[in-house]
Amino acid sequence: MGVEKKDFIFLSSVIFLIALAAKFMGGVFPVVGGPVFGIIAGIMLSGYFQSRGAQSVFKDMSKNLLQYSIILIGFELDINNVLKVGGNSLALMATTIAFTMALALFLGKMLKLSLNTVLLIGAGTSICGGSAIIATAAVIKAADEEIIHSLSTIFIFNIIAAFVFPLIGSFLQMSDHAFGMWAGTAINDSSSVMAAGFTFSDQAGRLAAIVKLTRTLMIIPVTFLISLFYSRACGGGGGYDVKKIFPWFIASFALASLARTVFAENVDAEIFSGLASAGKFLVIAALAAIGLNTNLSALFKNGRRPIFLGLVCWIALCAFSFALIKFF
């Protein structure tokens, strides 16, 4: 359902006004941070914007703003560090994803959940939340109800992660590097990764973004393996189109980082800093849009078993990745 231009301008203005207020509050209360204020304010005001047109605008805006924010943040990163950190995190990514998917399949069978629901929640938890769920749904041809069910379940823990992770990190006196690795590995959606990372510190946020982007790349091999598994389990399966699921903004992020590296000596550092600051503001705006698109009552009407599955998988992933980072 489309919206008129004037309505789109109004709804977009609401997002950015919330983001401006959240950025200000984040400056006043840096321990909480602008991203958290953004999503809280959005959720508080979501009841006033329940029309299909408004929800469609908020959904599209949140997705686009988040992707653009990641690209802009790339201008603050040296591509050599991106490659180094990303490469070092691949083994961690593969181990945690395999562990979480195996646990989801085991628990899902015990809870007597449908295979589609189990695969969607497992992929969303282990890889990158909504993006992984949508990609997996295309592979296994999941029903709309199964997709919405899984997205709602995953989103509950995205909200919790944005609040809880910085508190745990501070309590455990984690370093910026350790927290960035942990947030990028254990939080399943980009919005919550960014919120938790930048709430903890800018350095942790930048590292978490790199690790999360590396983790997002795992969509391609994991969904391919899911397709093979689903074909064997059900005697069929969906198609696999790399073009439809490949996150284009990762390539743009890499190009931004490359530009930062190549032109560092010829371009004023303030320019790159300004672009990165704009990216951080867009993170807040994206989270405000996500909050505005949230129906809390609907989130808790999805059934106990899928939520329980998501909870156990998420806690296990958090604990397992923390142990790997700390001891290995």
C-alpha atoms as a PDB file:
ATOM      1  CA  MET A   1       0.000   0.000   0.000  1.00  0.00           C
ATOM      2  CA  GLY A   2       1.561   3.249  -1.121  1.00  0.00           C
ATOM      3  CA  VAL A   3       1.461   6.623   0.591  1.00  0.00           C
ATOM      4  CA  GLU A   4       1.179  10.116  -0.782  1.00  0.00           C
ATOM      5  CA  LYS A   5       4.290  12.243  -1.070  1.00  0.00           C
ATOM      6  CA  LYS A   6       3.191  14.620   1.684  1.00  0.00           C
ATOM      7  CA  ASP A   7       2.561  11.684   4.026  1.00  0.00           C
ATOM      8  CA  PHE A   8       5.967  10.200   3.210  1.00  0.00           C
ATOM      9  CA  ILE A   9       7.632  13.546   3.993  1.00  0.00           C
ATOM     10  CA  PHE A  10       5.718  13.791   7.270  1.00  0.00           C
ATOM     11  CA  LEU A  11       6.584  10.250   8.370  1.00  0.00           C
ATOM     12  CA  SER A  12      10.224  10.705   7.392  1.00  0.00           C
ATOM     13  CA  SER A  13      10.303  13.947   9.383  1.00  0.00           C
ATOM     14  CA  VAL A  14       8.971  12.094  12.420  1.00  0.00           C
ATOM     15  CA  ILE A  15      11.848   9.624  12.170  1.00  0.00           C
ATOM     16  CA  PHE A  16      14.519  12.302  11.958  1.00  0.00           C
ATOM     17  CA  LEU A  17      12.992  14.475  14.682  1.00  0.00           C
ATOM     18  CA  ILE A  18      13.038  11.471  17.011  1.00  0.00           C
ATOM     19  CA  ALA A  19      16.634  10.799  15.970  1.00  0.00           C
ATOM     20  CA  LEU A  20      17.663  14.382  16.715  1.00  0.00           C
ATOM     21  CA  ALA A  21      16.050  14.228  20.153  1.00  0.00           C
ATOM     22  CA  ALA A  22      17.625  10.831  20.813  1.00  0.00           C
ATOM     23  CA  LYS A  23      21.051  12.092  19.757  1.00  0.00           C
ATOM     24  CA  PHE A  24      20.690  14.986  22.197  1.00  0.00           C
ATOM     25  CA  MET A  25      19.607  12.665  25.019  1.00  0.00           C
ATOM     26  CA  GLY A  26      22.477  10.353  24.192  1.00  0.00           C
ATOM     27  CA  GLY A  27      24.852  13.269  24.709  1.00  0.00           C
ATOM     28  CA  VAL A  28      23.259  14.039  28.064  1.00  0.00           C
ATOM     29  CA  PHE A  29      23.273  10.377  29.130  1.00  0.00           C
ATOM     30  CA  PRO A  30      26.180   8.786  27.240  1.00  0.00           C
ATOM     31  CA  VAL A  31      25.942   5.577  29.268  1.00  0.00           C
ATOM     32  CA  VAL A  32      22.553   4.931  27.649  1.00  0.00           C
ATOM     33  CA  GLY A  33      23.457   6.344  24.248  1.00  0.00           C
ATOM     34  CA  GLY A  34      21.498   7.839  21.367  1.00  0.00           C
ATOM     35  CA  PRO A  35      20.670   4.511  19.650  1.00  0.00           C
ATOM     36  CA  VAL A  36      18.840   3.167  22.699  1.00  0.00           C
ATOM     37  CA  PHE A  37      16.929   6.425  23.158  1.00  0.00           C
ATOM     38  CA  GLY A  38      15.981   6.256  19.494  1.00  0.00           C
ATOM     39  CA  ILE A  39      14.405   2.819  19.651  1.00  0.00           C
ATOM     40  CA  ILE A  40      12.672   3.558  22.995  1.00  0.00           C
ATOM     41  CA  ALA A  41      11.129   6.763  21.652  1.00  0.00           C
ATOM     42  CA  GLY A  42      10.025   4.978  18.498  1.00  0.00           C
ATOM     43  CA  ILE A  43       8.320   2.202  20.451  1.00  0.00           C
ATOM     44  CA  MET A  44       6.605   4.723  22.744  1.00  0.00           C
ATOM     45  CA  LEU A  45       5.169   6.584  19.748  1.00  0.00           C
ATOM     46  CA  SER A  46       4.399   3.534  17.619  1.00  0.00           C
ATOM     47  CA  GLY A  47       0.774   3.439  18.759  1.00  0.00           C
ATOM     48  CA  TYR A  48       0.079   6.682  16.896  1.00  0.00           C
ATOM     49  CA  PHE A  49       1.240   5.274  13.546  1.00  0.00           C
ATOM     50  CA  GLN A  50      -0.550   1.965  13.014  1.00  0.00           C
ATOM     51  CA  SER A  51      -1.809   2.451   9.448  1.00  0.00           C
ATOM     52  CA  ARG A  52      -0.437   0.092   6.804  1.00  0.00           C
ATOM     53  CA  GLY A  53       0.998   2.997   4.862  1.00  0.00           C
ATOM     54  CA  ALA A  54       2.910   4.340   7.862  1.00  0.00           C
ATOM     55  CA  GLN A  55       4.220   0.912   8.831  1.00  0.00           C
ATOM     56  CA  SER A  56       5.384   0.321   5.256  1.00  0.00           C
ATOM     57  CA  VAL A  57       7.296   3.608   5.248  1.00  0.00           C
ATOM     58  CA  PHE A  58       8.925   2.876   8.602  1.00  0.00           C
ATOM     59  CA  LYS A  59       9.922  -0.621   7.485  1.00  0.00           C
ATOM     60  CA  ASP A  60      11.513   0.589   4.245  1.00  0.00           C
ATOM     61  CA  MET A  61      13.184   3.564   5.924  1.00  0.00           C
ATOM     62  CA  SER A  62      14.705   1.455   8.693  1.00  0.00           C
ATOM     63  CA  LYS A  63      16.214  -0.962   6.194  1.00  0.00           C
ATOM     64  CA  ASN A  64      17.615   1.747   3.917  1.00  0.00           C
ATOM     65  CA  LEU A  65      18.879   3.997   6.705  1.00  0.00           C
ATOM     66  CA  LEU A  66      20.704   1.155   8.388  1.00  0.00           C
ATOM     67  CA  GLN A  67      22.427   0.134   5.186  1.00  0.00           C
ATOM     68  CA  TYR A  68      23.440   3.706   4.371  1.00  0.00           C
ATOM     69  CA  SER A  69      24.696   4.187   7.929  1.00  0.00           C
ATOM     70  CA  ILE A  70      26.974   1.164   7.641  1.00  0.00           C
ATOM     71  CA  ILE A  71      28.383   2.454   4.351  1.00  0.00           C
ATOM     72  CA  LEU A  72      29.145   5.883   5.843  1.00  0.00           C
ATOM     73  CA  ILE A  73      30.770   4.367   8.918  1.00  0.00           C
ATOM     74  CA  GLY A  74      33.098   2.603   6.507  1.00  0.00           C
ATOM     75  CA  PHE A  75      34.799   5.942   5.835  1.00  0.00           C
ATOM     76  CA  GLU A  76      36.224   5.805   9.348  1.00  0.00           C
ATOM     77  CA  LEU A  77      37.820   2.387   8.895  1.00  0.00           C
ATOM     78  CA  ASP A  78      41.117   1.307   7.409  1.00  0.00           C
ATOM     79  CA  ILE A  79      40.544  -1.511   4.913  1.00  0.00           C
ATOM     80  CA  ASN A  80      43.619  -3.315   6.214  1.00  0.00           C
ATOM     81  CA  ASN A  81      42.014  -3.543   9.641  1.00  0.00           C
ATOM     82  CA  VAL A  82      38.707  -4.636   8.096  1.00  0.00           C
ATOM     83  CA  LEU A  83      40.384  -7.499   6.268  1.00  0.00           C
ATOM     84  CA  LYS A  84      42.411  -8.488   9.311  1.00  0.00           C
ATOM     85  CA  VAL A  85      39.521  -8.470  11.768  1.00  0.00           C
ATOM     86  CA  GLY A  86      37.109 -10.040   9.317  1.00  0.00           C
ATOM     87  CA  GLY A  87      39.512 -12.817   8.448  1.00  0.00           C
ATOM     88  CA  ASN A  88      40.277 -13.584  12.074  1.00  0.00           C
ATOM     89  CA  SER A  89      36.580 -13.774  12.903  1.00  0.00           C
ATOM     90  CA  LEU A  90      35.630 -16.286  10.195  1.00  0.00           C
ATOM     91  CA  ALA A  91      36.489 -19.332  12.313  1.00  0.00           C
ATOM     92  CA  LEU A  92      34.518 -17.851  15.213  1.00  0.00           C
ATOM     93  CA  MET A  93      31.559 -17.182  12.894  1.00  0.00           C
ATOM     94  CA  ALA A  94      31.530 -20.696  11.448  1.00  0.00           C
ATOM     95  CA  THR A  95      31.774 -22.338  14.886  1.00  0.00           C
ATOM     96  CA  THR A  96      29.014 -20.289  16.524  1.00  0.00           C
ATOM     97  CA  ILE A  97      26.667 -20.641  13.535  1.00  0.00           C
ATOM     98  CA  ALA A  98      27.103 -24.422  13.393  1.00  0.00           C
ATOM     99  CA  PHE A  99      26.582 -24.679  17.165  1.00  0.00           C
ATOM    100  CA  THR A 100      23.417 -22.558  17.159  1.00  0.00           C
ATOM    101  CA  MET A 101      21.821 -24.242  14.144  1.00  0.00           C
ATOM    102  CA  ALA A 102      22.478 -27.699  15.624  1.00  0.00           C
ATOM    103  CA  LEU A 103      20.954 -26.629  18.943  1.00  0.00           C
ATOM    104  CA  ALA A 104      17.905 -25.146  17.197  1.00  0.00           C
ATOM    105  CA  LEU A 105      17.278 -28.377  15.283  1.00  0.00           C
ATOM    106  CA  PHE A 106      17.659 -30.470  18.440  1.00  0.00           C
ATOM    107  CA  LEU A 107      15.388 -28.312  20.599  1.00  0.00           C
ATOM    108  CA  GLY A 108      12.898 -27.735  17.783  1.00  0.00           C
ATOM    109  CA  LYS A 109      12.348 -31.479  17.471  1.00  0.00           C
ATOM    110  CA  MET A 110      11.830 -31.774  21.227  1.00  0.00           C
ATOM    111  CA  LEU A 111       9.365 -28.861  21.199  1.00  0.00           C
ATOM    112  CA  LYS A 112       7.565 -30.354  18.156  1.00  0.00           C
ATOM    113  CA  LEU A 113       7.877 -27.187  16.102  1.00  0.00           C
ATOM    114  CA  SER A 114       7.669 -27.187  12.322  1.00  0.00           C
ATOM    115  CA  LEU A 115      10.957 -27.561  10.472  1.00  0.00           C
ATOM    116  CA  ASN A 116      10.407 -24.224   8.727  1.00  0.00           C
ATOM    117  CA  THR A 117       9.996 -22.358  12.007  1.00  0.00           C
ATOM    118  CA  VAL A 118      13.080 -24.022  13.469  1.00  0.00           C
ATOM    119  CA  LEU A 119      15.231 -23.201  10.441  1.00  0.00           C
ATOM    120  CA  LEU A 120      14.034 -19.582  10.367  1.00  0.00           C
ATOM    121  CA  ILE A 121      14.659 -18.980  14.066  1.00  0.00           C
ATOM    122  CA  GLY A 122      17.979 -20.829  13.935  1.00  0.00           C
ATOM    123  CA  ALA A 123      19.189 -18.820  10.943  1.00  0.00           C
ATOM    124  CA  GLY A 124      17.938 -15.546  12.388  1.00  0.00           C
ATOM    125  CA  THR A 125      19.667 -16.163  15.711  1.00  0.00           C
ATOM    126  CA  SER A 126      22.947 -17.501  14.379  1.00  0.00           C
ATOM    127  CA  ILE A 127      23.520 -15.206  11.393  1.00  0.00           C
ATOM    128  CA  CYS A 128      21.879 -11.809  11.238  1.00  0.00           C
ATOM    129  CA  GLY A 129      18.271 -11.625  12.309  1.00  0.00           C
ATOM    130  CA  GLY A 130      15.720 -10.422   9.784  1.00  0.00           C
ATOM    131  CA  SER A 131      17.977 -10.584   6.723  1.00  0.00           C
ATOM    132  CA  ALA A 132      18.837 -14.228   7.374  1.00  0.00           C
ATOM    133  CA  ILE A 133      15.193 -15.076   8.041  1.00  0.00           C
ATOM    134  CA  ILE A 134      14.055 -13.524   4.766  1.00  0.00           C
ATOM    135  CA  ALA A 135      16.863 -15.246   2.836  1.00  0.00           C
ATOM    136  CA  THR A 136      16.101 -18.605   4.436  1.00  0.00           C
ATOM    137  CA  ALA A 137      12.374 -18.178   3.870  1.00  0.00           C
ATOM    138  CA  ALA A 138      13.033 -17.770   0.149  1.00  0.00           C
ATOM    139  CA  VAL A 139      15.041 -20.987   0.122  1.00  0.00           C
ATOM    140  CA  ILE A 140      12.507 -23.135   1.985  1.00  0.00           C
ATOM    141  CA  LYS A 141       9.394 -21.339   0.665  1.00  0.00           C
ATOM    142  CA  ALA A 142       8.129 -20.569   4.162  1.00  0.00           C
ATOM    143  CA  ALA A 143       4.570 -19.362   4.703  1.00  0.00           C
ATOM    144  CA  ASP A 144       3.923 -15.727   5.596  1.00  0.00           C
ATOM    145  CA  GLU A 145       2.743 -16.738   9.075  1.00  0.00           C
ATOM    146  CA  GLU A 146       5.985 -18.631   9.704  1.00  0.00           C
ATOM    147  CA  ILE A 147       8.057 -15.642   8.576  1.00  0.00           C
ATOM    148  CA  ILE A 148       6.151 -13.161  10.750  1.00  0.00           C
ATOM    149  CA  HIS A 149       6.255 -15.585  13.675  1.00  0.00           C
ATOM    150  CA  SER A 150      10.030 -15.962  13.411  1.00  0.00           C
ATOM    151  CA  LEU A 151      10.704 -12.259  12.861  1.00  0.00           C
ATOM    152  CA  SER A 152       8.657 -11.355  15.939  1.00  0.00           C
ATOM    153  CA  THR A 153      10.436 -13.931  18.082  1.00  0.00           C
ATOM    154  CA  ILE A 154      13.880 -12.761  16.960  1.00  0.00           C
ATOM    155  CA  PHE A 155      13.011  -9.097  17.395  1.00  0.00           C
ATOM    156  CA  ILE A 156      12.170  -9.547  21.078  1.00  0.00           C
ATOM    157  CA  PHE A 157      15.765 -10.533  21.779  1.00  0.00           C
ATOM    158  CA  ASN A 158      17.130  -7.792  19.507  1.00  0.00           C
ATOM    159  CA  ILE A 159      15.509  -5.221  21.782  1.00  0.00           C
ATOM    160  CA  ILE A 160      16.771  -6.955  24.914  1.00  0.00           C
ATOM    161  CA  ALA A 161      20.308  -7.184  23.502  1.00  0.00           C
ATOM    162  CA  ALA A 162      20.501  -3.460  22.806  1.00  0.00           C
ATOM    163  CA  PHE A 163      19.932  -2.809  26.513  1.00  0.00           C
ATOM    164  CA  VAL A 164      21.557  -5.788  28.218  1.00  0.00           C
ATOM    165  CA  PHE A 165      24.839  -6.229  26.333  1.00  0.00           C
ATOM    166  CA  PRO A 166      26.409  -2.845  27.244  1.00  0.00           C
ATOM    167  CA  LEU A 167      25.445  -3.387  30.886  1.00  0.00           C
ATOM    168  CA  ILE A 168      27.013  -6.853  30.955  1.00  0.00           C
ATOM    169  CA  GLY A 169      30.110  -5.608  29.139  1.00  0.00           C
ATOM    170  CA  SER A 170      30.576  -2.786  31.641  1.00  0.00           C
ATOM    171  CA  PHE A 171      29.952  -5.079  34.607  1.00  0.00           C
ATOM    172  CA  LEU A 172      32.540  -7.582  33.354  1.00  0.00           C
ATOM    173  CA  GLN A 173      34.936  -4.729  32.491  1.00  0.00           C
ATOM    174  CA  MET A 174      35.350  -6.023  28.952  1.00  0.00           C
ATOM    175  CA  SER A 175      37.782  -4.256  26.638  1.00  0.00           C
ATOM    176  CA  ASP A 176      36.474  -2.411  23.588  1.00  0.00           C
ATOM    177  CA  HIS A 177      37.929  -5.123  21.368  1.00  0.00           C
ATOM    178  CA  ALA A 178      36.415  -8.030  23.310  1.00  0.00           C
ATOM    179  CA  PHE A 179      33.013  -6.369  23.517  1.00  0.00           C
ATOM    180  CA  GLY A 180      33.019  -5.487  19.820  1.00  0.00           C
ATOM    181  CA  MET A 181      33.814  -9.092  18.896  1.00  0.00           C
ATOM    182  CA  TRP A 182      31.158 -10.381  21.292  1.00  0.00           C
ATOM    183  CA  ALA A 183      28.420  -7.994  20.144  1.00  0.00           C
ATOM    184  CA  GLY A 184      29.184  -8.625  16.481  1.00  0.00           C
ATOM    185  CA  THR A 185      29.106 -12.383  17.029  1.00  0.00           C
ATOM    186  CA  ALA A 186      26.270 -12.909  19.503  1.00  0.00           C
ATOM    187  CA  ILE A 187      23.654 -10.261  18.639  1.00  0.00           C
ATOM    188  CA  ASN A 188      21.601 -11.386  15.673  1.00  0.00           C
ATOM    189  CA  ASP A 189      20.424  -8.165  13.998  1.00  0.00           C
ATOM    190  CA  SER A 190      22.470  -5.281  12.614  1.00  0.00           C
ATOM    191  CA  SER A 191      20.377  -2.617  14.329  1.00  0.00           C
ATOM    192  CA  SER A 192      20.915  -4.112  17.785  1.00  0.00           C
ATOM    193  CA  VAL A 193      24.597  -4.773  17.075  1.00  0.00           C
ATOM    194  CA  MET A 194      25.091  -1.105  16.227  1.00  0.00           C
ATOM    195  CA  ALA A 195      23.031   0.062  19.199  1.00  0.00           C
ATOM    196  CA  ALA A 196      24.898  -2.104  21.707  1.00  0.00           C
ATOM    197  CA  GLY A 197      28.329  -1.508  20.170  1.00  0.00           C
ATOM    198  CA  PHE A 198      28.172   2.270  19.961  1.00  0.00           C
ATOM    199  CA  THR A 199      26.484   2.511  23.361  1.00  0.00           C
ATOM    200  CA  PHE A 200      29.507   0.745  24.850  1.00  0.00           C
ATOM    201  CA  SER A 201      32.060   2.847  22.916  1.00  0.00           C
ATOM    202  CA  ASP A 202      32.793   4.132  19.412  1.00  0.00           C
ATOM    203  CA  GLN A 203      35.705   1.722  19.044  1.00  0.00           C
ATOM    204  CA  ALA A 204      33.580  -1.237  20.112  1.00  0.00           C
ATOM    205  CA  GLY A 205      30.826  -0.111  17.742  1.00  0.00           C
ATOM    206  CA  ARG A 206      33.166   0.087  14.755  1.00  0.00           C
ATOM    207  CA  LEU A 207      34.616  -3.344  15.486  1.00  0.00           C
ATOM    208  CA  ALA A 208      31.166  -4.838  16.056  1.00  0.00           C
ATOM    209  CA  ALA A 209      30.078  -3.450  12.673  1.00  0.00           C
ATOM    210  CA  ILE A 210      33.032  -5.118  10.931  1.00  0.00           C
ATOM    211  CA  VAL A 211      32.441  -8.450  12.633  1.00  0.00           C
ATOM    212  CA  LYS A 212      28.706  -8.260  11.961  1.00  0.00           C
ATOM    213  CA  LEU A 213      29.311  -7.514   8.273  1.00  0.00           C
ATOM    214  CA  THR A 214      31.598 -10.525   8.082  1.00  0.00           C
ATOM    215  CA  ARG A 215      28.883 -12.568   9.767  1.00  0.00           C
ATOM    216  CA  THR A 216      26.281 -11.280   7.303  1.00  0.00           C
ATOM    217  CA  LEU A 217      28.341 -12.703   4.451  1.00  0.00           C
ATOM    218  CA  MET A 218      27.647 -16.129   5.938  1.00  0.00           C
ATOM    219  CA  ILE A 219      24.073 -15.828   4.625  1.00  0.00           C
ATOM    220  CA  ILE A 220      25.222 -17.166   1.261  1.00  0.00           C
ATOM    221  CA  PRO A 221      26.936 -20.444   2.303  1.00  0.00           C
ATOM    222  CA  VAL A 222      24.514 -21.129   5.165  1.00  0.00           C
ATOM    223  CA  THR A 223      21.356 -20.693   3.084  1.00  0.00           C
ATOM    224  CA  PHE A 224      22.909 -22.905   0.416  1.00  0.00           C
ATOM    225  CA  LEU A 225      23.512 -25.617   3.029  1.00  0.00           C
ATOM    226  CA  ILE A 226      19.968 -25.130   4.365  1.00  0.00           C
ATOM    227  CA  SER A 227      18.655 -25.613   0.839  1.00  0.00           C
ATOM    228  CA  LEU A 228      20.508 -28.913   0.560  1.00  0.00           C
ATOM    229  CA  PHE A 229      19.386 -29.999   4.030  1.00  0.00           C
ATOM    230  CA  TYR A 230      15.770 -29.047   3.345  1.00  0.00           C
ATOM    231  CA  SER A 231      15.772 -30.906   0.053  1.00  0.00           C
ATOM    232  CA  ARG A 232      16.922 -34.074   1.783  1.00  0.00           C
ATOM    233  CA  ALA A 233      14.607 -33.651   4.785  1.00  0.00           C
ATOM    234  CA  CYS A 234      11.461 -32.843   2.828  1.00  0.00           C
ATOM    235  CA  GLY A 235      12.159 -34.309  -0.584  1.00  0.00           C
ATOM    236  CA  GLY A 236      12.080 -30.867  -2.187  1.00  0.00           C
ATOM    237  CA  GLY A 237      13.223 -27.352  -1.509  1.00  0.00           C
ATOM    238  CA  GLY A 238      13.285 -23.881  -2.861  1.00  0.00           C
ATOM    239  CA  GLY A 239      15.588 -22.171  -5.268  1.00  0.00           C
ATOM    240  CA  TYR A 240      18.773 -20.344  -4.440  1.00  0.00           C
ATOM    241  CA  ASP A 241      19.401 -16.964  -6.024  1.00  0.00           C
ATOM    242  CA  VAL A 242      22.598 -15.291  -4.828  1.00  0.00           C
ATOM    243  CA  LYS A 243      21.635 -11.977  -6.424  1.00  0.00           C
ATOM    244  CA  LYS A 244      18.499 -11.688  -4.310  1.00  0.00           C
ATOM    245  CA  ILE A 245      20.141 -12.294  -0.939  1.00  0.00           C
ATOM    246  CA  PHE A 246      23.627 -10.831  -1.322  1.00  0.00           C
ATOM    247  CA  PRO A 247      23.829  -7.707   0.866  1.00  0.00           C
ATOM    248  CA  TRP A 248      24.974  -5.027  -1.613  1.00  0.00           C
ATOM    249  CA  PHE A 249      25.911  -2.615   1.145  1.00  0.00           C
ATOM    250  CA  ILE A 250      28.808  -4.847   2.187  1.00  0.00           C
ATOM    251  CA  ALA A 251      30.558  -4.125  -1.102  1.00  0.00           C
ATOM    252  CA  SER A 252      29.854  -0.411  -0.621  1.00  0.00           C
ATOM    253  CA  PHE A 253      31.165  -0.575   2.931  1.00  0.00           C
ATOM    254  CA  ALA A 254      34.387  -2.120   1.635  1.00  0.00           C
ATOM    255  CA  LEU A 255      34.703   0.587  -1.043  1.00  0.00           C
ATOM    256  CA  ALA A 256      34.224   3.311   1.586  1.00  0.00           C
ATOM    257  CA  SER A 257      36.926   1.744   3.739  1.00  0.00           C
ATOM    258  CA  LEU A 258      39.179   1.440   0.697  1.00  0.00           C
ATOM    259  CA  ALA A 259      38.683   5.126  -0.069  1.00  0.00           C
ATOM    260  CA  ARG A 260      39.558   5.974   3.537  1.00  0.00           C
ATOM    261  CA  THR A 261      42.751   3.931   3.239  1.00  0.00           C
ATOM    262  CA  VAL A 262      43.868   5.110  -0.195  1.00  0.00           C
ATOM    263  CA  PHE A 263      43.086   8.804   0.205  1.00  0.00           C
ATOM    264  CA  ALA A 264      43.942   9.191   3.901  1.00  0.00           C
ATOM    265  CA  GLU A 265      47.007  11.321   3.146  1.00  0.00           C
ATOM    266  CA  ASN A 266      45.340  13.499   0.510  1.00  0.00           C
ATOM    267  CA  VAL A 267      41.929  14.199   2.040  1.00  0.00           C
ATOM    268  CA  ASP A 268      41.235  16.167   5.211  1.00  0.00           C
ATOM    269  CA  ALA A 269      40.518  13.730   8.035  1.00  0.00           C
ATOM    270  CA  GLU A 270      37.574  15.909   9.067  1.00  0.00           C
ATOM    271  CA  ILE A 271      35.758  14.929   5.883  1.00  0.00           C
ATOM    272  CA  PHE A 272      35.978  11.235   6.676  1.00  0.00           C
ATOM    273  CA  SER A 273      35.072  11.954  10.283  1.00  0.00           C
ATOM    274  CA  GLY A 274      32.017  13.939   9.180  1.00  0.00           C
ATOM    275  CA  LEU A 275      30.815  11.134   6.919  1.00  0.00           C
ATOM    276  CA  ALA A 276      31.251   8.610   9.740  1.00  0.00           C
ATOM    277  CA  SER A 277      29.363  10.894  12.163  1.00  0.00           C
ATOM    278  CA  ALA A 278      26.522  11.108   9.664  1.00  0.00           C
ATOM    279  CA  GLY A 279      26.513   7.314   9.585  1.00  0.00           C
ATOM    280  CA  LYS A 280      26.175   7.132  13.364  1.00  0.00           C
ATOM    281  CA  PHE A 281      23.241   9.532  13.229  1.00  0.00           C
ATOM    282  CA  LEU A 282      21.558   7.363  10.603  1.00  0.00           C
ATOM    283  CA  VAL A 283      21.932   4.423  12.995  1.00  0.00           C
ATOM    284  CA  ILE A 284      19.789   6.318  15.496  1.00  0.00           C
ATOM    285  CA  ALA A 285      17.272   7.229  12.786  1.00  0.00           C
ATOM    286  CA  ALA A 286      17.065   3.602  11.643  1.00  0.00           C
ATOM    287  CA  LEU A 287      16.410   2.418  15.185  1.00  0.00           C
ATOM    288  CA  ALA A 288      13.737   5.087  15.626  1.00  0.00           C
ATOM    289  CA  ALA A 289      12.021   3.767  12.473  1.00  0.00           C
ATOM    290  CA  ILE A 290      12.250   0.205  13.773  1.00  0.00           C
ATOM    291  CA  GLY A 291      10.698   1.287  17.059  1.00  0.00           C
ATOM    292  CA  LEU A 292       7.872   3.055  15.226  1.00  0.00           C
ATOM    293  CA  ASN A 293       7.201  -0.152  13.296  1.00  0.00           C
ATOM    294  CA  THR A 294       6.964  -2.293  16.448  1.00  0.00           C
ATOM    295  CA  ASN A 295       3.739  -3.762  17.791  1.00  0.00           C
ATOM    296  CA  LEU A 296       4.632  -4.974  21.271  1.00  0.00           C
ATOM    297  CA  SER A 297       1.342  -6.730  21.888  1.00  0.00           C
ATOM    298  CA  ALA A 298       1.770  -8.732  18.682  1.00  0.00           C
ATOM    299  CA  LEU A 299       5.278  -9.748  19.691  1.00  0.00           C
ATOM    300  CA  PHE A 300       3.989 -11.593  22.746  1.00  0.00           C
ATOM    301  CA  LYS A 301       1.095 -13.342  20.991  1.00  0.00           C
ATOM    302  CA  ASN A 302       3.217 -15.664  18.883  1.00  0.00           C
ATOM    303  CA  GLY A 303       3.199 -18.673  21.172  1.00  0.00           C
ATOM    304  CA  ARG A 304       5.453 -19.873  23.933  1.00  0.00           C
ATOM    305  CA  ARG A 305       7.387 -22.609  22.169  1.00  0.00           C
ATOM    306  CA  PRO A 306       8.981 -20.525  19.379  1.00  0.00           C
ATOM    307  CA  ILE A 307       9.849 -17.786  21.879  1.00  0.00           C
ATOM    308  CA  PHE A 308      11.357 -20.394  24.197  1.00  0.00           C
ATOM    309  CA  LEU A 309      13.375 -21.834  21.309  1.00  0.00           C
ATOM    310  CA  GLY A 310      14.647 -18.371  20.381  1.00  0.00           C
ATOM    311  CA  LEU A 311      15.492 -17.591  24.009  1.00  0.00           C
ATOM    312  CA  VAL A 312      17.489 -20.768  24.599  1.00  0.00           C
ATOM    313  CA  CYS A 313      19.353 -20.483  21.291  1.00  0.00           C
ATOM    314  CA  TRP A 314      20.162 -16.818  21.916  1.00  0.00           C
ATOM    315  CA  ILE A 315      21.424 -17.350  25.479  1.00  0.00           C
ATOM    316  CA  ALA A 316      23.466 -20.365  24.353  1.00  0.00           C
ATOM    317  CA  LEU A 317      24.977 -18.355  21.485  1.00  0.00           C
ATOM    318  CA  CYS A 318      25.852 -15.476  23.823  1.00  0.00           C
ATOM    319  CA  ALA A 319      27.515 -17.782  26.342  1.00  0.00           C
ATOM    320  CA  PHE A 320      29.303 -19.914  23.743  1.00  0.00           C
ATOM    321  CA  SER A 321      30.693 -16.956  21.780  1.00  0.00           C
ATOM    322  CA  PHE A 322      31.762 -15.220  25.009  1.00  0.00           C
ATOM    323  CA  ALA A 323      33.667 -18.338  26.073  1.00  0.00           C
ATOM    324  CA  LEU A 324      35.371 -18.653  22.683  1.00  0.00           C
ATOM    325  CA  ILE A 325      36.439 -15.000  22.688  1.00  0.00           C
ATOM    326  CA  LYS A 326      37.667 -15.111  26.275  1.00  0.00           C
ATOM    327  CA  PHE A 327      39.540 -18.396  26.244  1.00  0.00           C
ATOM    328  CA  PHE A 328      40.613 -18.731  22.629  1.00  0.00           C
END
